[in-house]
C-alpha atoms as a PDB file:
ATOM      1  CA  MET A   1     100.391 118.031 128.094  1.00  0.00           C
ATOM      2  CA  PRO A   2      96.814 119.285 127.477  1.00  0.00           C
ATOM      3  CA  LYS A   3      94.372 117.231 125.460  1.00  0.00           C
ATOM      4  CA  ALA A   4      93.402 118.421 121.984  1.00  0.00           C
ATOM      5  CA  THR A   5      89.880 119.722 121.705  1.00  0.00           C
ATOM      6  CA  PRO A   6      87.641 118.463 118.896  1.00  0.00           C
ATOM      7  CA  LYS A   7      88.082 121.773 117.090  1.00  0.00           C
ATOM      8  CA  ILE A   8      91.891 121.473 117.160  1.00  0.00           C
ATOM      9  CA  SER A   9      91.699 117.834 116.021  1.00  0.00           C
ATOM     10  CA  LYS A  10      89.520 118.906 113.082  1.00  0.00           C
ATOM     11  CA  LEU A  11      92.069 121.576 112.150  1.00  0.00           C
ATOM     12  CA  LYS A  12      94.849 118.975 112.172  1.00  0.00           C
ATOM     13  CA  VAL A  13      92.851 116.708 109.837  1.00  0.00           C
ATOM     14  CA  ASN A  14      92.131 119.595 107.448  1.00  0.00           C
ATOM     15  CA  THR A  15      95.804 120.602 107.465  1.00  0.00           C
ATOM     16  CA  ASN A  16      96.870 117.031 106.614  1.00  0.00           C
ATOM     17  CA  LYS A  17      94.398 116.920 103.708  1.00  0.00           C
ATOM     18  CA  GLU A  18      95.626 120.260 102.401  1.00  0.00           C
ATOM     19  CA  LEU A  19      99.235 119.085 102.649  1.00  0.00           C
ATOM     20  CA  LYS A  20      98.445 115.933 100.657  1.00  0.00           C
ATOM     21  CA  ILE A  21      96.770 118.048  97.971  1.00  0.00           C
ATOM     22  CA  ILE A  22      99.768 120.366  97.755  1.00  0.00           C
ATOM     23  CA  LEU A  23     102.206 117.444  97.518  1.00  0.00           C
ATOM     24  CA  SER A  24     100.080 115.842  94.799  1.00  0.00           C
ATOM     25  CA  ALA A  25     100.015 119.070  92.831  1.00  0.00           C
ATOM     26  CA  GLU A  26     103.800 119.346  93.099  1.00  0.00           C
ATOM     27  CA  LYS A  27     104.231 115.785  91.781  1.00  0.00           C
ATOM     28  CA  ILE A  28     101.976 116.553  88.827  1.00  0.00           C
ATOM     29  CA  TYR A  29     103.833 119.786  88.112  1.00  0.00           C
ATOM     30  CA  THR A  30     107.250 118.113  88.138  1.00  0.00           C
ATOM     31  CA  GLY A  31     105.899 115.299  85.983  1.00  0.00           C
ATOM     32  CA  ILE A  32     104.656 117.717  83.343  1.00  0.00           C
ATOM     33  CA  VAL A  33     107.276 120.476  83.374  1.00  0.00           C
ATOM     34  CA  ASN A  34     110.571 119.051  84.547  1.00  0.00           C
ATOM     35  CA  LYS A  35     110.570 115.578  83.011  1.00  0.00           C
ATOM     36  CA  GLN A  36     109.364 116.638  79.556  1.00  0.00           C
ATOM     37  CA  ALA A  37     107.299 113.444  79.427  1.00  0.00           C
ATOM     38  CA  PHE A  38     104.302 112.927  77.203  1.00  0.00           C
ATOM     39  CA  GLU A  39     102.287 111.447  80.076  1.00  0.00           C
ATOM     40  CA  ILE A  40     102.448 111.340  83.832  1.00  0.00           C
ATOM     41  CA  HIS A  41     101.603 108.264  85.892  1.00  0.00           C
ATOM     42  CA  PHE A  42      99.931 109.180  89.153  1.00  0.00           C
ATOM     43  CA  PRO A  43      99.477 106.727  90.842  1.00  0.00           C
ATOM     44  CA  LYS A  44     101.748 104.646  88.680  1.00  0.00           C
ATOM     45  CA  GLY A  45     100.266 101.241  89.571  1.00  0.00           C
ATOM     46  CA  LEU A  46      96.753 102.283  88.606  1.00  0.00           C
ATOM     47  CA  THR A  47      97.737 103.846  85.293  1.00  0.00           C
ATOM     48  CA  LEU A  48      99.792 100.815  84.290  1.00  0.00           C
ATOM     49  CA  ILE A  49      96.875  98.469  85.014  1.00  0.00           C
ATOM     50  CA  LEU A  50      94.487 100.665  83.012  1.00  0.00           C
ATOM     51  CA  LYS A  51      96.931 100.827  80.084  1.00  0.00           C
ATOM     52  CA  PHE A  52      97.258  97.050  80.122  1.00  0.00           C
ATOM     53  CA  LEU A  53      93.466  96.625  80.156  1.00  0.00           C
ATOM     54  CA  ARG A  54      93.184  98.826  77.041  1.00  0.00           C
ATOM     55  CA  ILE A  55      94.378  95.805  75.028  1.00  0.00           C
ATOM     56  CA  LEU A  56      90.980  94.209  75.652  1.00  0.00           C
ATOM     57  CA  PRO A  57      87.918  94.945  73.514  1.00  0.00           C
ATOM     58  CA  TYR A  58      86.176  98.144  74.577  1.00  0.00           C
ATOM     59  CA  LYS A  59      83.060  96.444  75.978  1.00  0.00           C
ATOM     60  CA  ILE A  60      85.100  94.104  78.222  1.00  0.00           C
ATOM     61  CA  TYR A  61      87.407  96.970  79.282  1.00  0.00           C
ATOM     62  CA  LEU A  62      84.481  99.137  80.384  1.00  0.00           C
ATOM     63  CA  PHE A  63      82.886  96.208  82.234  1.00  0.00           C
ATOM     64  CA  LEU A  64      86.085  95.499  84.197  1.00  0.00           C
ATOM     65  CA  VAL A  65      86.796  99.137  84.975  1.00  0.00           C
ATOM     66  CA  ASP A  66      83.208  99.587  86.177  1.00  0.00           C
ATOM     67  CA  LYS A  67      83.608  96.614  88.520  1.00  0.00           C
ATOM     68  CA  PHE A  68      86.865  97.889  90.060  1.00  0.00           C
ATOM     69  CA  VAL A  69      85.999 101.586  90.441  1.00  0.00           C
ATOM     70  CA  LYS A  70      84.570 102.607  93.804  1.00  0.00           C
ATOM     71  CA  ARG A  71      81.514 104.837  93.614  1.00  0.00           C
END
């Protein structure tokens, strides 16, 4: 079996990224249209943590979110 050239490897990586984007868009679409829900959770763990943190005073909430968000 021949080895993949760097150009082919790059194409595979780009295809995987595009596939992930398409799958994400499909999840969002089904969450909005098919489930008739007011909100969608994507990713669910993150949105639940952020909703829980909203109980805190605004200044503390923003401080914690700023600490956990990667920039």
